PDB file of N, CA and C in Angstrom:
ATOM      1  N   MET A   1      23.744  24.976   4.479  1.00  0.00           N
ATOM      2  CA  MET A   1      23.212  24.850   3.143  1.00  0.00           C
ATOM      3  C   MET A   1      23.262  23.397   2.665  1.00  0.00           C
ATOM      4  N   ASN A   2      24.302  22.701   3.090  1.00  0.00           N
ATOM      5  CA  ASN A   2      24.448  21.304   2.698  1.00  0.00           C
ATOM      6  C   ASN A   2      23.342  20.454   3.303  1.00  0.00           C
ATOM      7  N   THR A   3      22.916  20.785   4.513  1.00  0.00           N
ATOM      8  CA  THR A   3      21.856  20.038   5.185  1.00  0.00           C
ATOM      9  C   THR A   3      20.536  20.166   4.444  1.00  0.00           C
ATOM     10  N   ILE A   4      20.263  21.337   3.935  1.00  0.00           N
ATOM     11  CA  ILE A   4      19.029  21.557   3.188  1.00  0.00           C
ATOM     12  C   ILE A   4      19.030  20.736   1.902  1.00  0.00           C
ATOM     13  N   ALA A   5      20.160  20.666   1.228  1.00  0.00           N
ATOM     14  CA  ALA A   5      20.260  19.878  -0.007  1.00  0.00           C
ATOM     15  C   ALA A   5      20.042  18.395   0.275  1.00  0.00           C
ATOM     16  N   ILE A   6      20.628  17.918   1.364  1.00  0.00           N
ATOM     17  CA  ILE A   6      20.450  16.507   1.731  1.00  0.00           C
ATOM     18  C   ILE A   6      18.988  16.234   2.057  1.00  0.00           C
ATOM     19  N   PHE A   7      18.358  17.142   2.808  1.00  0.00           N
ATOM     20  CA  PHE A   7      16.952  16.980   3.151  1.00  0.00           C
ATOM     21  C   PHE A   7      16.073  16.980   1.907  1.00  0.00           C
ATOM     22  N   LYS A   8      16.353  17.858   0.957  1.00  0.00           N
ATOM     23  CA  LYS A   8      15.571  17.901  -0.284  1.00  0.00           C
ATOM     24  C   LYS A   8      15.734  16.611  -1.074  1.00  0.00           C
ATOM     25  N   ASN A   9      16.944  16.068  -1.122  1.00  0.00           N
ATOM     26  CA  ASN A   9      17.170  14.809  -1.833  1.00  0.00           C
ATOM     27  C   ASN A   9      16.405  13.666  -1.179  1.00  0.00           C
ATOM     28  N   LYS A  10      16.428  13.607   0.151  1.00  0.00           N
ATOM     29  CA  LYS A  10      15.702  12.551   0.863  1.00  0.00           C
ATOM     30  C   LYS A  10      14.195  12.726   0.695  1.00  0.00           C
ATOM     31  N   ALA A  11      13.724  13.964   0.733  1.00  0.00           N
ATOM     32  CA  ALA A  11      12.295  14.221   0.558  1.00  0.00           C
ATOM     33  C   ALA A  11      11.851  13.842  -0.858  1.00  0.00           C
ATOM     34  N   ASN A  12      12.666  14.141  -1.851  1.00  0.00           N
ATOM     35  CA  ASN A  12      12.334  13.765  -3.227  1.00  0.00           C
ATOM     36  C   ASN A  12      12.311  12.251  -3.388  1.00  0.00           C
ATOM     37  N   ALA A  13      13.244  11.571  -2.770  1.00  0.00           N
ATOM     38  CA  ALA A  13      13.266  10.113  -2.846  1.00  0.00           C
ATOM     39  C   ALA A  13      12.039   9.518  -2.170  1.00  0.00           C
ATOM     40  N   LEU A  14      11.672  10.060  -1.026  1.00  0.00           N
ATOM     41  CA  LEU A  14      10.493   9.569  -0.313  1.00  0.00           C
ATOM     42  C   LEU A  14       9.220   9.850  -1.101  1.00  0.00           C
ATOM     43  N   LEU A  15       9.131  11.013  -1.695  1.00  0.00           N
ATOM     44  CA  LEU A  15       7.975  11.357  -2.521  1.00  0.00           C
ATOM     45  C   LEU A  15       7.881  10.431  -3.733  1.00  0.00           C
ATOM     46  N   SER A  16       9.007  10.151  -4.364  1.00  0.00           N
ATOM     47  CA  SER A  16       9.015   9.247  -5.518  1.00  0.00           C
ATOM     48  C   SER A  16       8.574   7.841  -5.119  1.00  0.00           C
ATOM     49  N   LEU A  17       9.080   7.371  -3.997  1.00  0.00           N
ATOM     50  CA  LEU A  17       8.697   6.041  -3.514  1.00  0.00           C
ATOM     51  C   LEU A  17       7.206   5.992  -3.220  1.00  0.00           C
ATOM     52  N   THR A  18       6.680   7.032  -2.595  1.00  0.00           N
ATOM     53  CA  THR A  18       5.257   7.075  -2.270  1.00  0.00           C
ATOM     54  C   THR A  18       4.405   7.068  -3.531  1.00  0.00           C
ATOM     55  N   LEU A  19       4.783   7.861  -4.505  1.00  0.00           N
ATOM     56  CA  LEU A  19       4.015   7.901  -5.750  1.00  0.00           C
ATOM     57  C   LEU A  19       4.061   6.569  -6.495  1.00  0.00           C
ATOM     58  N   ILE A  20       5.213   5.928  -6.502  1.00  0.00           N
ATOM     59  CA  ILE A  20       5.331   4.625  -7.161  1.00  0.00           C
ATOM     60  C   ILE A  20       4.455   3.594  -6.459  1.00  0.00           C
ATOM     61  N   MET A  21       4.457   3.611  -5.129  1.00  0.00           N
ATOM     62  CA  MET A  21       3.630   2.669  -4.376  1.00  0.00           C
ATOM     63  C   MET A  21       2.141   2.916  -4.635  1.00  0.00           C
ATOM     64  N   LEU A  22       1.731   4.178  -4.649  1.00  0.00           N
ATOM     65  CA  LEU A  22       0.323   4.479  -4.901  1.00  0.00           C
ATOM     66  C   LEU A  22      -0.092   4.084  -6.316  1.00  0.00           C
ATOM     67  N   MET A  23       0.797   4.275  -7.278  1.00  0.00           N
ATOM     68  CA  MET A  23       0.476   3.886  -8.650  1.00  0.00           C
ATOM     69  C   MET A  23       0.366   2.367  -8.775  1.00  0.00           C
ATOM     70  N   SER A  24       1.231   1.643  -8.079  1.00  0.00           N
ATOM     71  CA  SER A  24       1.140   0.187  -8.153  1.00  0.00           C
ATOM     72  C   SER A  24      -0.112  -0.318  -7.449  1.00  0.00           C
ATOM     73  N   ILE A  25      -0.503   0.353  -6.360  1.00  0.00           N
ATOM     74  CA  ILE A  25      -1.731  -0.049  -5.665  1.00  0.00           C
ATOM     75  C   ILE A  25      -2.939   0.160  -6.571  1.00  0.00           C
ATOM     76  N   THR A  26      -2.980   1.287  -7.275  1.00  0.00           N
ATOM     77  CA  THR A  26      -4.115   1.526  -8.170  1.00  0.00           C
ATOM     78  C   THR A  26      -4.099   0.555  -9.343  1.00  0.00           C
ATOM     79  N   ALA A  27      -2.919   0.168  -9.800  1.00  0.00           N
ATOM     80  CA  ALA A  27      -2.856  -0.799 -10.894  1.00  0.00           C
ATOM     81  C   ALA A  27      -3.382  -2.156 -10.450  1.00  0.00           C
ATOM     82  N   PHE A  28      -3.016  -2.583  -9.244  1.00  0.00           N
ATOM     83  CA  PHE A  28      -3.519  -3.853  -8.743  1.00  0.00           C
ATOM     84  C   PHE A  28      -4.989  -3.773  -8.367  1.00  0.00           C
ATOM     85  N   ALA A  29      -5.458  -2.602  -7.964  1.00  0.00           N
ATOM     86  CA  ALA A  29      -6.854  -2.440  -7.586  1.00  0.00           C
ATOM     87  C   ALA A  29      -7.773  -2.585  -8.789  1.00  0.00           C
ATOM     88  N   GLN A  30      -7.267  -2.321  -9.979  1.00  0.00           N
ATOM     89  CA  GLN A  30      -8.091  -2.422 -11.172  1.00  0.00           C
ATOM     90  C   GLN A  30      -8.175  -3.845 -11.703  1.00  0.00           C
ATOM     91  N   ASP A  31      -7.379  -4.748 -11.161  1.00  0.00           N
ATOM     92  CA  ASP A  31      -7.405  -6.131 -11.610  1.00  0.00           C
ATOM     93  C   ASP A  31      -8.649  -6.821 -11.059  1.00  0.00           C
ATOM     94  N   THR A  32      -9.529  -7.307 -11.949  1.00  0.00           N
ATOM     95  CA  THR A  32     -10.755  -7.956 -11.503  1.00  0.00           C
ATOM     96  C   THR A  32     -10.734  -9.461 -11.731  1.00  0.00           C
ATOM     97  N   ALA A  33      -9.616  -9.999 -12.180  1.00  0.00           N
ATOM     98  CA  ALA A  33      -9.572 -11.416 -12.525  1.00  0.00           C
ATOM     99  C   ALA A  33      -9.623 -12.323 -11.299  1.00  0.00           C
ATOM    100  N   GLY A  34      -9.053 -11.917 -10.166  1.00  0.00           N
ATOM    101  CA  GLY A  34      -8.961 -12.820  -9.027  1.00  0.00           C
ATOM    102  C   GLY A  34      -9.923 -12.504  -7.905  1.00  0.00           C
ATOM    103  N   GLY A  35     -10.985 -11.792  -8.169  1.00  0.00           N
ATOM    104  CA  GLY A  35     -11.883 -11.333  -7.120  1.00  0.00           C
ATOM    105  C   GLY A  35     -12.609 -12.442  -6.405  1.00  0.00           C
ATOM    106  N   VAL A  36     -13.696 -12.910  -6.927  1.00  0.00           N
ATOM    107  CA  VAL A  36     -14.538 -13.907  -6.256  1.00  0.00           C
ATOM    108  C   VAL A  36     -14.555 -15.179  -7.095  1.00  0.00           C
ATOM    109  N   VAL A  37     -14.290 -16.290  -6.433  1.00  0.00           N
ATOM    110  CA  VAL A  37     -14.301 -17.586  -7.105  1.00  0.00           C
ATOM    111  C   VAL A  37     -15.497 -18.364  -6.580  1.00  0.00           C
ATOM    112  N   THR A  38     -16.340 -18.820  -7.468  1.00  0.00           N
ATOM    113  CA  THR A  38     -17.528 -19.576  -7.069  1.00  0.00           C
ATOM    114  C   THR A  38     -17.420 -20.993  -7.617  1.00  0.00           C
ATOM    115  N   LYS A  39     -17.550 -21.954  -6.717  1.00  0.00           N
ATOM    116  CA  LYS A  39     -17.542 -23.359  -7.112  1.00  0.00           C
ATOM    117  C   LYS A  39     -18.916 -23.922  -6.776  1.00  0.00           C
ATOM    118  N   GLU A  40     -19.572 -24.471  -7.772  1.00  0.00           N
ATOM    119  CA  GLU A  40     -20.905 -25.024  -7.528  1.00  0.00           C
ATOM    120  C   GLU A  40     -20.853 -26.542  -7.555  1.00  0.00           C
ATOM    121  N   ASP A  41     -21.546 -27.104  -6.611  1.00  0.00           N
ATOM    122  CA  ASP A  41     -21.662 -28.548  -6.508  1.00  0.00           C
ATOM    123  C   ASP A  41     -23.155 -28.854  -6.487  1.00  0.00           C
ATOM    124  N   SER A  42     -23.496 -30.098  -6.734  1.00  0.00           N
ATOM    125  CA  SER A  42     -24.912 -30.449  -6.739  1.00  0.00           C
ATOM    126  C   SER A  42     -25.531 -30.287  -5.348  1.00  0.00           C
ATOM    127  N   ALA A  43     -24.717 -30.412  -4.301  1.00  0.00           N
ATOM    128  CA  ALA A  43     -25.243 -30.326  -2.939  1.00  0.00           C
ATOM    129  C   ALA A  43     -25.118 -28.914  -2.356  1.00  0.00           C
ATOM    130  N   LYS A  44     -24.031 -28.219  -2.656  1.00  0.00           N
ATOM    131  CA  LYS A  44     -23.814 -26.900  -2.068  1.00  0.00           C
ATOM    132  C   LYS A  44     -22.921 -26.074  -2.982  1.00  0.00           C
ATOM    133  N   SER A  45     -22.872 -24.773  -2.726  1.00  0.00           N
ATOM    134  CA  SER A  45     -21.973 -23.893  -3.472  1.00  0.00           C
ATOM    135  C   SER A  45     -21.071 -23.174  -2.478  1.00  0.00           C
ATOM    136  N   THR A  46     -19.830 -22.969  -2.880  1.00  0.00           N
ATOM    137  CA  THR A  46     -18.846 -22.329  -2.019  1.00  0.00           C
ATOM    138  C   THR A  46     -18.340 -21.069  -2.704  1.00  0.00           C
ATOM    139  N   THR A  47     -18.322 -19.971  -1.961  1.00  0.00           N
ATOM    140  CA  THR A  47     -17.795 -18.712  -2.474  1.00  0.00           C
ATOM    141  C   THR A  47     -16.627 -18.303  -1.597  1.00  0.00           C
ATOM    142  N   THR A  48     -15.478 -18.084  -2.223  1.00  0.00           N
ATOM    143  CA  THR A  48     -14.305 -17.655  -1.478  1.00  0.00           C
ATOM    144  C   THR A  48     -13.814 -16.333  -2.055  1.00  0.00           C
ATOM    145  N   THR A  49     -13.221 -15.529  -1.198  1.00  0.00           N
ATOM    146  CA  THR A  49     -12.653 -14.250  -1.607  1.00  0.00           C
ATOM    147  C   THR A  49     -11.171 -14.255  -1.272  1.00  0.00           C
ATOM    148  N   GLU A  50     -10.365 -13.792  -2.187  1.00  0.00           N
ATOM    149  CA  GLU A  50      -8.928 -13.711  -1.941  1.00  0.00           C
ATOM    150  C   GLU A  50      -8.671 -12.641  -0.881  1.00  0.00           C
ATOM    151  N   TRP A  51      -7.608 -12.814  -0.097  1.00  0.00           N
ATOM    152  CA  TRP A  51      -7.326 -11.888   1.001  1.00  0.00           C
ATOM    153  C   TRP A  51      -7.021 -10.493   0.494  1.00  0.00           C
ATOM    154  N   TYR A  52      -6.392 -10.377  -0.676  1.00  0.00           N
ATOM    155  CA  TYR A  52      -6.028  -9.056  -1.179  1.00  0.00           C
ATOM    156  C   TYR A  52      -7.217  -8.330  -1.805  1.00  0.00           C
ATOM    157  N   ALA A  53      -8.349  -8.990  -1.953  1.00  0.00           N
ATOM    158  CA  ALA A  53      -9.545  -8.329  -2.463  1.00  0.00           C
ATOM    159  C   ALA A  53     -10.348  -7.687  -1.333  1.00  0.00           C
ATOM    160  N   ASP A  54      -9.982  -7.980  -0.084  1.00  0.00           N
ATOM    161  CA  ASP A  54     -10.688  -7.425   1.066  1.00  0.00           C
ATOM    162  C   ASP A  54     -10.203  -5.997   1.323  1.00  0.00           C
ATOM    163  N   PRO A  55     -11.088  -5.013   1.336  1.00  0.00           N
ATOM    164  CA  PRO A  55     -10.644  -3.624   1.512  1.00  0.00           C
ATOM    165  C   PRO A  55     -10.060  -3.343   2.895  1.00  0.00           C
ATOM    166  N   MET A  56     -10.350  -4.155   3.882  1.00  0.00           N
ATOM    167  CA  MET A  56      -9.787  -3.927   5.208  1.00  0.00           C
ATOM    168  C   MET A  56      -8.272  -4.103   5.213  1.00  0.00           C
ATOM    169  N   TYR A  57      -7.756  -5.025   4.407  1.00  0.00           N
ATOM    170  CA  TYR A  57      -6.316  -5.200   4.315  1.00  0.00           C
ATOM    171  C   TYR A  57      -5.661  -4.005   3.623  1.00  0.00           C
ATOM    172  N   ILE A  58      -6.321  -3.452   2.627  1.00  0.00           N
ATOM    173  CA  ILE A  58      -5.788  -2.289   1.934  1.00  0.00           C
ATOM    174  C   ILE A  58      -5.757  -1.084   2.873  1.00  0.00           C
ATOM    175  N   ILE A  59      -6.829  -0.890   3.638  1.00  0.00           N
ATOM    176  CA  ILE A  59      -6.885   0.226   4.581  1.00  0.00           C
ATOM    177  C   ILE A  59      -5.837   0.035   5.680  1.00  0.00           C
ATOM    178  N   GLY A  60      -5.718  -1.179   6.180  1.00  0.00           N
ATOM    179  CA  GLY A  60      -4.715  -1.461   7.211  1.00  0.00           C
ATOM    180  C   GLY A  60      -3.299  -1.238   6.701  1.00  0.00           C
ATOM    181  N   GLY A  61      -3.045  -1.649   5.464  1.00  0.00           N
ATOM    182  CA  GLY A  61      -1.726  -1.435   4.865  1.00  0.00           C
ATOM    183  C   GLY A  61      -1.427   0.041   4.677  1.00  0.00           C
ATOM    184  N   ALA A  62      -2.429   0.816   4.279  1.00  0.00           N
ATOM    185  CA  ALA A  62      -2.231   2.256   4.104  1.00  0.00           C
ATOM    186  C   ALA A  62      -1.934   2.921   5.443  1.00  0.00           C
ATOM    187  N   ILE A  63      -2.654   2.525   6.485  1.00  0.00           N
ATOM    188  CA  ILE A  63      -2.397   3.098   7.817  1.00  0.00           C
ATOM    189  C   ILE A  63      -0.992   2.731   8.286  1.00  0.00           C
ATOM    190  N   LEU A  64      -0.595   1.485   8.079  1.00  0.00           N
ATOM    191  CA  LEU A  64       0.742   1.049   8.463  1.00  0.00           C
ATOM    192  C   LEU A  64       1.809   1.830   7.703  1.00  0.00           C
ATOM    193  N   LEU A  65       1.599   2.072   6.418  1.00  0.00           N
ATOM    194  CA  LEU A  65       2.541   2.839   5.607  1.00  0.00           C
ATOM    195  C   LEU A  65       2.658   4.270   6.121  1.00  0.00           C
ATOM    196  N   ILE A  66       1.544   4.885   6.482  1.00  0.00           N
ATOM    197  CA  ILE A  66       1.569   6.247   7.007  1.00  0.00           C
ATOM    198  C   ILE A  66       2.331   6.296   8.331  1.00  0.00           C
ATOM    199  N   ILE A  67       2.129   5.295   9.183  1.00  0.00           N
ATOM    200  CA  ILE A  67       2.839   5.259  10.464  1.00  0.00           C
ATOM    201  C   ILE A  67       4.337   5.091  10.243  1.00  0.00           C
ATOM    202  N   ILE A  68       4.733   4.233   9.321  1.00  0.00           N
ATOM    203  CA  ILE A  68       6.157   4.029   9.034  1.00  0.00           C
ATOM    204  C   ILE A  68       6.779   5.310   8.506  1.00  0.00           C
ATOM    205  N   ILE A  69       6.097   5.995   7.596  1.00  0.00           N
ATOM    206  CA  ILE A  69       6.625   7.248   7.051  1.00  0.00           C
ATOM    207  C   ILE A  69       6.747   8.297   8.149  1.00  0.00           C
ATOM    208  N   ALA A  70       5.759   8.361   9.039  1.00  0.00           N
ATOM    209  CA  ALA A  70       5.823   9.327  10.141  1.00  0.00           C
ATOM    210  C   ALA A  70       6.993   9.022  11.067  1.00  0.00           C
ATOM    211  N   LEU A  71       7.239   7.751  11.343  1.00  0.00           N
ATOM    212  CA  LEU A  71       8.358   7.384  12.216  1.00  0.00           C
ATOM    213  C   LEU A  71       9.701   7.700  11.563  1.00  0.00           C
ATOM    214  N   ILE A  72       9.800   7.476  10.270  1.00  0.00           N
ATOM    215  CA  ILE A  72      11.051   7.772   9.560  1.00  0.00           C
ATOM    216  C   ILE A  72      11.323   9.271   9.562  1.00  0.00           C
ATOM    217  N   THR A  73      10.312  10.062   9.269  1.00  0.00           N
ATOM    218  CA  THR A  73      10.522  11.507   9.243  1.00  0.00           C
ATOM    219  C   THR A  73      10.768  12.055  10.650  1.00  0.00           C
ATOM    220  N   ARG A  74      10.167  11.456  11.643  1.00  0.00           N
ATOM    221  CA  ARG A  74      10.364  11.932  13.015  1.00  0.00           C
ATOM    222  C   ARG A  74      11.763  11.594  13.517  1.00  0.00           C
ATOM    223  N   SER A  75      12.301  10.458  13.108  1.00  0.00           N
ATOM    224  CA  SER A  75      13.641  10.091  13.550  1.00  0.00           C
ATOM    225  C   SER A  75      14.689  10.995  12.917  1.00  0.00           C
ATOM    226  N   GLY A  76      14.411  11.574  11.772  1.00  0.00           N
ATOM    227  CA  GLY A  76      15.338  12.495  11.133  1.00  0.00           C
ATOM    228  C   GLY A  76      15.428  13.834  11.851  1.00  0.00           C
ATOM    229  N   ARG A  77      14.415  14.195  12.632  1.00  0.00           N
ATOM    230  CA  ARG A  77      14.402  15.468  13.343  1.00  0.00           C
ATOM    231  C   ARG A  77      15.235  15.427  14.617  1.00  0.00           C
ATOM    232  N   ARG A  78      15.501  14.259  15.145  1.00  0.00           N
ATOM    233  CA  ARG A  78      16.212  14.141  16.409  1.00  0.00           C
ATOM    234  C   ARG A  78      17.690  14.515  16.281  1.00  0.00           C
ATOM    235  N   ARG A  79      18.239  14.447  15.120  1.00  0.00           N
ATOM    236  CA  ARG A  79      19.680  14.675  14.930  1.00  0.00           C
ATOM    237  C   ARG A  79      20.061  16.099  15.036  1.00  0.00           C
TER     238      ARG A  79
END
């Protein structure tokens, strides 16, 4: 019975951490101030994008987070 209580506490902590991370990601995703910076010159114009505005980094980070969570939960089953 004690093992089940410990597992529930760890699962609740992991769920809370996941929800907090997802909420912070959505909060940062709504920020439009740092998206695209355009500098114009008489000869040429340069457009740069911040690395965190690229959706590939967000997708890669989400996949990495899922893999880490899977490894953590899998290591708990070995005991």
